[in-house]
PDB file of N, CA and C in Angstrom:
ATOM      1  N   PRO A   1      -2.259 -10.349   7.979  1.00  0.00           N
ATOM      2  CA  PRO A   1      -1.822 -11.176   7.419  1.00  0.00           C
ATOM      3  C   PRO A   1      -1.453 -12.099   8.526  1.00  0.00           C
ATOM      4  N   ASN A   2      -2.208 -13.293   7.821  1.00  0.00           N
ATOM      5  CA  ASN A   2      -1.798 -14.694   8.482  1.00  0.00           C
ATOM      6  C   ASN A   2      -1.842 -15.798   7.885  1.00  0.00           C
ATOM      7  N   SER A   3      -1.323 -16.093   6.573  1.00  0.00           N
ATOM      8  CA  SER A   3      -0.549 -16.863   5.577  1.00  0.00           C
ATOM      9  C   SER A   3      -1.620 -17.783   5.162  1.00  0.00           C
ATOM     10  N   ASP A   4      -3.146 -16.922   5.239  1.00  0.00           N
ATOM     11  CA  ASP A   4      -4.346 -17.870   5.166  1.00  0.00           C
ATOM     12  C   ASP A   4      -4.801 -17.818   3.502  1.00  0.00           C
ATOM     13  N   GLY A   5      -4.334 -16.857   2.676  1.00  0.00           N
ATOM     14  CA  GLY A   5      -4.438 -16.636   1.514  1.00  0.00           C
ATOM     15  C   GLY A   5      -5.542 -15.475   1.494  1.00  0.00           C
ATOM     16  N   LYS A   6      -6.002 -14.548   2.708  1.00  0.00           N
ATOM     17  CA  LYS A   6      -7.200 -14.137   2.563  1.00  0.00           C
ATOM     18  C   LYS A   6      -6.264 -12.660   3.033  1.00  0.00           C
ATOM     19  N   ASN A   7      -6.557 -11.511   2.128  1.00  0.00           N
ATOM     20  CA  ASN A   7      -6.314 -10.188   2.739  1.00  0.00           C
ATOM     21  C   ASN A   7      -4.360 -10.600   3.539  1.00  0.00           C
ATOM     22  N   ASP A   8      -4.004 -10.852   2.703  1.00  0.00           N
ATOM     23  CA  ASP A   8      -2.689 -11.399   3.563  1.00  0.00           C
ATOM     24  C   ASP A   8      -1.495  -9.993   2.921  1.00  0.00           C
ATOM     25  N   LEU A   9      -1.902  -9.646   1.757  1.00  0.00           N
ATOM     26  CA  LEU A   9      -1.502  -7.955   1.368  1.00  0.00           C
ATOM     27  C   LEU A   9      -2.043  -7.229   0.869  1.00  0.00           C
ATOM     28  N   PHE A  10      -1.760  -5.851   1.070  1.00  0.00           N
ATOM     29  CA  PHE A  10      -2.636  -4.763   1.072  1.00  0.00           C
ATOM     30  C   PHE A  10      -1.902  -4.250  -0.358  1.00  0.00           C
ATOM     31  N   LYS A  11      -2.915  -4.263  -0.813  1.00  0.00           N
ATOM     32  CA  LYS A  11      -2.746  -3.875  -3.098  1.00  0.00           C
ATOM     33  C   LYS A  11      -3.508  -2.619  -3.348  1.00  0.00           C
ATOM     34  N   ALA A  12      -2.415  -1.882  -4.481  1.00  0.00           N
ATOM     35  CA  ALA A  12      -2.877  -0.605  -4.902  1.00  0.00           C
ATOM     36  C   ALA A  12      -4.192  -0.748  -5.729  1.00  0.00           C
ATOM     37  N   GLY A  13      -4.679  -2.003  -6.097  1.00  0.00           N
ATOM     38  CA  GLY A  13      -6.116  -2.301  -6.201  1.00  0.00           C
ATOM     39  C   GLY A  13      -6.092  -2.311  -7.646  1.00  0.00           C
ATOM     40  N   ASN A  14      -7.003  -2.742  -8.740  1.00  0.00           N
ATOM     41  CA  ASN A  14      -6.683  -2.546 -10.255  1.00  0.00           C
ATOM     42  C   ASN A  14      -6.374  -1.752 -10.898  1.00  0.00           C
ATOM     43  N   MET A  15      -5.011  -2.110 -11.276  1.00  0.00           N
ATOM     44  CA  MET A  15      -4.134  -1.023 -11.855  1.00  0.00           C
ATOM     45  C   MET A  15      -4.767  -1.734 -13.512  1.00  0.00           C
ATOM     46  N   ARG A  16      -5.781  -2.125 -14.106  1.00  0.00           N
ATOM     47  CA  ARG A  16      -5.977  -1.974 -15.384  1.00  0.00           C
ATOM     48  C   ARG A  16      -5.705  -1.379 -16.346  1.00  0.00           C
ATOM     49  N   PHE A  17      -6.397  -0.075 -16.102  1.00  0.00           N
ATOM     50  CA  PHE A  17      -6.409   1.027 -16.779  1.00  0.00           C
ATOM     51  C   PHE A  17      -5.670   1.995 -16.586  1.00  0.00           C
ATOM     52  N   ASN A  18      -5.088   2.287 -14.762  1.00  0.00           N
ATOM     53  CA  ASN A  18      -4.156   3.317 -14.436  1.00  0.00           C
ATOM     54  C   ASN A  18      -2.741   2.657 -14.308  1.00  0.00           C
ATOM     55  N   LYS A  19      -1.632   3.543 -14.695  1.00  0.00           N
ATOM     56  CA  LYS A  19      -0.294   3.335 -14.314  1.00  0.00           C
ATOM     57  C   LYS A  19      -0.227   4.012 -12.829  1.00  0.00           C
ATOM     58  N   LEU A  20       0.651   2.755 -12.039  1.00  0.00           N
ATOM     59  CA  LEU A  20       0.681   3.510 -10.492  1.00  0.00           C
ATOM     60  C   LEU A  20       2.191   3.689 -11.422  1.00  0.00           C
ATOM     61  N   GLN A  21       2.159   5.232 -10.034  1.00  0.00           N
ATOM     62  CA  GLN A  21       3.395   5.914 -10.540  1.00  0.00           C
ATOM     63  C   GLN A  21       4.211   6.006  -8.747  1.00  0.00           C
ATOM     64  N   GLU A  22       3.513   5.280  -7.831  1.00  0.00           N
ATOM     65  CA  GLU A  22       3.710   5.677  -6.459  1.00  0.00           C
ATOM     66  C   GLU A  22       2.816   4.665  -5.595  1.00  0.00           C
ATOM     67  N   PHE A  23       3.141   4.178  -4.736  1.00  0.00           N
ATOM     68  CA  PHE A  23       2.669   3.354  -3.367  1.00  0.00           C
ATOM     69  C   PHE A  23       3.573   3.503  -2.313  1.00  0.00           C
ATOM     70  N   ARG A  24       2.494   3.972  -1.239  1.00  0.00           N
ATOM     71  CA  ARG A  24       3.593   4.055   0.015  1.00  0.00           C
ATOM     72  C   ARG A  24       2.468   3.909   0.746  1.00  0.00           C
ATOM     73  N   ILE A  25       3.030   3.481   2.252  1.00  0.00           N
ATOM     74  CA  ILE A  25       3.050   3.193   3.463  1.00  0.00           C
ATOM     75  C   ILE A  25       3.865   3.703   4.344  1.00  0.00           C
ATOM     76  N   TYR A  26       2.878   4.509   5.627  1.00  0.00           N
ATOM     77  CA  TYR A  26       3.856   5.074   6.636  1.00  0.00           C
ATOM     78  C   TYR A  26       3.178   4.518   7.902  1.00  0.00           C
ATOM     79  N   ASN A  27       3.942   4.329   9.203  1.00  0.00           N
ATOM     80  CA  ASN A  27       3.168   4.272  10.690  1.00  0.00           C
ATOM     81  C   ASN A  27       2.769   5.665  11.101  1.00  0.00           C
ATOM     82  N   ARG A  28       2.241   5.338  12.085  1.00  0.00           N
ATOM     83  CA  ARG A  28       1.975   6.626  12.487  1.00  0.00           C
ATOM     84  C   ARG A  28       2.815   8.022  13.190  1.00  0.00           C
ATOM     85  N   TRP A  29       4.018   7.445  13.548  1.00  0.00           N
ATOM     86  CA  TRP A  29       5.011   8.400  13.074  1.00  0.00           C
ATOM     87  C   TRP A  29       5.688   8.972  11.995  1.00  0.00           C
ATOM     88  N   GLY A  30       4.927   8.693  10.610  1.00  0.00           N
ATOM     89  CA  GLY A  30       5.614   9.203   9.383  1.00  0.00           C
ATOM     90  C   GLY A  30       6.716   8.568   9.303  1.00  0.00           C
ATOM     91  N   GLN A  31       6.923   7.331   9.604  1.00  0.00           N
ATOM     92  CA  GLN A  31       8.306   6.757   8.597  1.00  0.00           C
ATOM     93  C   GLN A  31       7.575   5.555   7.931  1.00  0.00           C
ATOM     94  N   GLU A  32       8.438   5.589   6.302  1.00  0.00           N
ATOM     95  CA  GLU A  32       7.871   4.972   5.702  1.00  0.00           C
ATOM     96  C   GLU A  32       8.034   3.464   6.104  1.00  0.00           C
ATOM     97  N   VAL A  33       7.013   2.193   5.827  1.00  0.00           N
ATOM     98  CA  VAL A  33       7.504   1.289   6.100  1.00  0.00           C
ATOM     99  C   VAL A  33       7.261   0.344   4.956  1.00  0.00           C
ATOM    100  N   PHE A  34       6.551   0.834   3.518  1.00  0.00           N
ATOM    101  CA  PHE A  34       6.518   0.114   2.168  1.00  0.00           C
ATOM    102  C   PHE A  34       6.755   1.457   1.135  1.00  0.00           C
ATOM    103  N   SER A  35       7.219   0.999  -0.033  1.00  0.00           N
ATOM    104  CA  SER A  35       6.733   1.679  -0.993  1.00  0.00           C
ATOM    105  C   SER A  35       7.271   0.893  -2.193  1.00  0.00           C
ATOM    106  N   THR A  36       6.454   0.965  -3.293  1.00  0.00           N
ATOM    107  CA  THR A  36       6.762   0.098  -4.585  1.00  0.00           C
ATOM    108  C   THR A  36       5.851   1.408  -5.762  1.00  0.00           C
ATOM    109  N   THR A  37       6.372   0.696  -7.112  1.00  0.00           N
ATOM    110  CA  THR A  37       5.608   1.295  -8.470  1.00  0.00           C
ATOM    111  C   THR A  37       5.244   0.433  -8.749  1.00  0.00           C
ATOM    112  N   ASN A  38       5.710  -1.032  -8.420  1.00  0.00           N
ATOM    113  CA  ASN A  38       5.118  -2.060  -9.517  1.00  0.00           C
ATOM    114  C   ASN A  38       3.776  -2.599  -8.743  1.00  0.00           C
ATOM    115  N   PRO A  39       2.259  -2.500  -9.692  1.00  0.00           N
ATOM    116  CA  PRO A  39       1.221  -2.613  -9.412  1.00  0.00           C
ATOM    117  C   PRO A  39       0.694  -4.240  -8.674  1.00  0.00           C
ATOM    118  N   ASP A  40       1.730  -5.187  -8.814  1.00  0.00           N
ATOM    119  CA  ASP A  40       1.878  -6.642  -8.647  1.00  0.00           C
ATOM    120  C   ASP A  40       2.142  -6.820  -7.040  1.00  0.00           C
ATOM    121  N   GLN A  41       2.983  -5.937  -6.595  1.00  0.00           N
ATOM    122  CA  GLN A  41       3.946  -5.925  -4.980  1.00  0.00           C
ATOM    123  C   GLN A  41       2.561  -5.377  -4.551  1.00  0.00           C
ATOM    124  N   GLY A  42       2.470  -5.975  -2.961  1.00  0.00           N
ATOM    125  CA  GLY A  42       1.338  -5.614  -1.810  1.00  0.00           C
ATOM    126  C   GLY A  42       2.677  -5.621  -0.660  1.00  0.00           C
ATOM    127  N   TRP A  43       1.997  -4.618   0.457  1.00  0.00           N
ATOM    128  CA  TRP A  43       2.414  -4.352   1.635  1.00  0.00           C
ATOM    129  C   TRP A  43       1.819  -6.303   2.513  1.00  0.00           C
ATOM    130  N   ASP A  44       2.914  -6.546   3.206  1.00  0.00           N
ATOM    131  CA  ASP A  44       2.239  -7.929   4.019  1.00  0.00           C
ATOM    132  C   ASP A  44       2.473  -7.429   5.185  1.00  0.00           C
ATOM    133  N   GLY A  45       2.517  -6.227   5.850  1.00  0.00           N
ATOM    134  CA  GLY A  45       2.212  -5.976   7.523  1.00  0.00           C
ATOM    135  C   GLY A  45       3.928  -5.767   7.913  1.00  0.00           C
ATOM    136  N   SER A  46       5.049  -6.162   6.979  1.00  0.00           N
ATOM    137  CA  SER A  46       6.078  -5.701   7.734  1.00  0.00           C
ATOM    138  C   SER A  46       7.033  -4.944   7.053  1.00  0.00           C
ATOM    139  N   TYR A  47       8.322  -5.223   7.531  1.00  0.00           N
ATOM    140  CA  TYR A  47       9.394  -3.487   7.466  1.00  0.00           C
ATOM    141  C   TYR A  47      10.455  -4.348   7.666  1.00  0.00           C
ATOM    142  N   LYS A  48      11.297  -4.168   6.806  1.00  0.00           N
ATOM    143  CA  LYS A  48      12.972  -4.481   6.912  1.00  0.00           C
ATOM    144  C   LYS A  48      12.675  -6.397   7.688  1.00  0.00           C
ATOM    145  N   GLY A  49      11.744  -7.100   7.021  1.00  0.00           N
ATOM    146  CA  GLY A  49      11.467  -8.255   7.779  1.00  0.00           C
ATOM    147  C   GLY A  49      10.912  -8.554   8.944  1.00  0.00           C
ATOM    148  N   GLN A  50      10.545  -7.319   9.474  1.00  0.00           N
ATOM    149  CA  GLN A  50       9.891  -7.403  10.818  1.00  0.00           C
ATOM    150  C   GLN A  50       8.798  -7.054  10.809  1.00  0.00           C
ATOM    151  N   GLN A  51       7.556  -8.244  11.560  1.00  0.00           N
ATOM    152  CA  GLN A  51       6.522  -7.964  11.526  1.00  0.00           C
ATOM    153  C   GLN A  51       5.989  -6.726  12.093  1.00  0.00           C
ATOM    154  N   GLN A  52       5.266  -6.069  11.488  1.00  0.00           N
ATOM    155  CA  GLN A  52       4.754  -4.340  12.285  1.00  0.00           C
ATOM    156  C   GLN A  52       3.826  -4.755  13.230  1.00  0.00           C
ATOM    157  N   ASP A  53       3.678  -3.477  14.349  1.00  0.00           N
ATOM    158  CA  ASP A  53       2.411  -3.974  15.268  1.00  0.00           C
ATOM    159  C   ASP A  53       1.099  -3.638  14.891  1.00  0.00           C
ATOM    160  N   ALA A  54       0.106  -4.422  15.255  1.00  0.00           N
ATOM    161  CA  ALA A  54      -0.976  -4.020  14.889  1.00  0.00           C
ATOM    162  C   ALA A  54      -1.189  -2.512  15.086  1.00  0.00           C
ATOM    163  N   GLY A  55      -2.256  -1.997  14.224  1.00  0.00           N
ATOM    164  CA  GLY A  55      -2.818  -0.105  14.150  1.00  0.00           C
ATOM    165  C   GLY A  55      -3.097   0.076  12.938  1.00  0.00           C
ATOM    166  N   VAL A  56      -3.111   1.956  13.079  1.00  0.00           N
ATOM    167  CA  VAL A  56      -3.493   2.458  12.163  1.00  0.00           C
ATOM    168  C   VAL A  56      -2.282   2.500  10.778  1.00  0.00           C
ATOM    169  N   TYR A  57      -2.276   2.445   9.783  1.00  0.00           N
ATOM    170  CA  TYR A  57      -1.114   2.933   9.126  1.00  0.00           C
ATOM    171  C   TYR A  57      -2.001   3.721   7.570  1.00  0.00           C
ATOM    172  N   TYR A  58      -0.775   4.913   7.220  1.00  0.00           N
ATOM    173  CA  TYR A  58      -1.648   5.601   6.274  1.00  0.00           C
ATOM    174  C   TYR A  58      -0.726   4.834   4.746  1.00  0.00           C
ATOM    175  N   TYR A  59      -1.666   5.488   3.600  1.00  0.00           N
ATOM    176  CA  TYR A  59      -0.982   5.159   2.279  1.00  0.00           C
ATOM    177  C   TYR A  59      -1.169   6.436   1.286  1.00  0.00           C
ATOM    178  N   VAL A  60      -0.224   6.071   0.522  1.00  0.00           N
ATOM    179  CA  VAL A  60      -0.548   7.264  -0.791  1.00  0.00           C
ATOM    180  C   VAL A  60      -0.310   6.751  -1.900  1.00  0.00           C
ATOM    181  N   ILE A  61      -1.311   6.514  -2.651  1.00  0.00           N
ATOM    182  CA  ILE A  61      -1.261   5.878  -3.960  1.00  0.00           C
ATOM    183  C   ILE A  61      -1.238   6.887  -4.801  1.00  0.00           C
ATOM    184  N   ARG A  62      -0.581   7.064  -5.730  1.00  0.00           N
ATOM    185  CA  ARG A  62      -0.179   7.870  -7.039  1.00  0.00           C
ATOM    186  C   ARG A  62      -0.699   7.726  -8.305  1.00  0.00           C
ATOM    187  N   VAL A  63      -1.407   7.591  -9.548  1.00  0.00           N
ATOM    188  CA  VAL A  63      -1.720   6.851 -10.651  1.00  0.00           C
ATOM    189  C   VAL A  63      -2.114   7.673 -11.589  1.00  0.00           C
ATOM    190  N   VAL A  64      -1.252   7.246 -12.606  1.00  0.00           N
ATOM    191  CA  VAL A  64      -1.667   8.519 -14.018  1.00  0.00           C
ATOM    192  C   VAL A  64      -3.001   7.495 -15.054  1.00  0.00           C
ATOM    193  N   THR A  65      -3.980   8.115 -15.154  1.00  0.00           N
ATOM    194  CA  THR A  65      -5.299   7.686 -15.751  1.00  0.00           C
ATOM    195  C   THR A  65      -4.611   7.534 -17.340  1.00  0.00           C
ATOM    196  N   PRO A  66      -6.004   6.386 -17.788  1.00  0.00           N
ATOM    197  CA  PRO A  66      -5.948   6.636 -19.360  1.00  0.00           C
ATOM    198  C   PRO A  66      -5.615   7.886 -19.823  1.00  0.00           C
ATOM    199  N   ASP A  67      -6.152   8.834 -19.603  1.00  0.00           N
ATOM    200  CA  ASP A  67      -6.238  10.422 -20.002  1.00  0.00           C
ATOM    201  C   ASP A  67      -5.045  11.285 -19.868  1.00  0.00           C
ATOM    202  N   ASN A  68      -4.309  10.697 -19.253  1.00  0.00           N
ATOM    203  CA  ASN A  68      -3.169  11.393 -18.836  1.00  0.00           C
ATOM    204  C   ASN A  68      -2.874  12.456 -17.294  1.00  0.00           C
ATOM    205  N   LYS A  69      -3.925  11.764 -16.668  1.00  0.00           N
ATOM    206  CA  LYS A  69      -3.850  12.946 -15.690  1.00  0.00           C
ATOM    207  C   LYS A  69      -3.658  12.200 -14.224  1.00  0.00           C
ATOM    208  N   GLN A  70      -3.098  12.996 -13.240  1.00  0.00           N
ATOM    209  CA  GLN A  70      -2.603  12.250 -12.199  1.00  0.00           C
ATOM    210  C   GLN A  70      -3.633  12.343 -11.269  1.00  0.00           C
ATOM    211  N   GLN A  71      -3.937  11.340 -10.691  1.00  0.00           N
ATOM    212  CA  GLN A  71      -4.653  11.305  -9.252  1.00  0.00           C
ATOM    213  C   GLN A  71      -4.189  10.719  -8.219  1.00  0.00           C
ATOM    214  N   THR A  72      -4.324  11.278  -6.764  1.00  0.00           N
ATOM    215  CA  THR A  72      -3.998  10.906  -5.665  1.00  0.00           C
ATOM    216  C   THR A  72      -4.729  10.440  -4.626  1.00  0.00           C
ATOM    217  N   LEU A  73      -4.647   9.165  -4.129  1.00  0.00           N
ATOM    218  CA  LEU A  73      -5.561   8.912  -3.076  1.00  0.00           C
ATOM    219  C   LEU A  73      -4.874   8.425  -2.026  1.00  0.00           C
ATOM    220  N   LYS A  74      -5.471   8.650  -0.885  1.00  0.00           N
ATOM    221  CA  LYS A  74      -4.988   8.834   0.283  1.00  0.00           C
ATOM    222  C   LYS A  74      -5.398   8.341   1.447  1.00  0.00           C
ATOM    223  N   GLY A  75      -5.666   7.413   2.340  1.00  0.00           N
ATOM    224  CA  GLY A  75      -6.294   7.144   3.433  1.00  0.00           C
ATOM    225  C   GLY A  75      -5.509   6.492   4.150  1.00  0.00           C
ATOM    226  N   ASP A  76      -6.195   5.201   4.992  1.00  0.00           N
ATOM    227  CA  ASP A  76      -5.924   4.450   6.199  1.00  0.00           C
ATOM    228  C   ASP A  76      -6.192   3.065   6.002  1.00  0.00           C
ATOM    229  N   ILE A  77      -5.435   2.392   7.071  1.00  0.00           N
ATOM    230  CA  ILE A  77      -5.666   0.962   6.551  1.00  0.00           C
ATOM    231  C   ILE A  77      -5.381   0.559   8.279  1.00  0.00           C
ATOM    232  N   THR A  78      -6.207  -0.496   8.539  1.00  0.00           N
ATOM    233  CA  THR A  78      -5.856  -1.008  10.092  1.00  0.00           C
ATOM    234  C   THR A  78      -4.989  -2.149   9.704  1.00  0.00           C
ATOM    235  N   LEU A  79      -3.943  -2.381  10.334  1.00  0.00           N
ATOM    236  CA  LEU A  79      -3.185  -3.772  10.533  1.00  0.00           C
ATOM    237  C   LEU A  79      -3.762  -4.370  11.412  1.00  0.00           C
ATOM    238  N   LEU A  80      -4.450  -6.045  11.331  1.00  0.00           N
ATOM    239  CA  LEU A  80      -4.653  -6.472  12.425  1.00  0.00           C
ATOM    240  C   LEU A  80      -4.036  -7.872  12.601  1.00  0.00           C
ATOM    241  N   ARG A  81      -4.188  -8.018  13.478  1.00  0.00           N
ATOM    242  CA  ARG A  81      -2.905  -9.444  13.644  1.00  0.00           C
ATOM    243  C   ARG A  81      -3.595 -10.766  14.277  1.00  0.00           C
TER     244      ARG A  81
END
């Protein structure tokens, strides 16, 4: 994130058909640095107003699909500064 309007937020993606239940991001020590259930919110690379160090962070996204099934997506994202 560098406030250029490109990739400044990491969001859960297109929630047009799915309902977001949980979106969490953790640092490499397992500390939660971001959490929301609002699909319009995204992580800006900060925690409690402090910019986080560049590195790998892990996310968990849980959604409910239109046919009422829960789906959990997990992965990692690399924060660059």
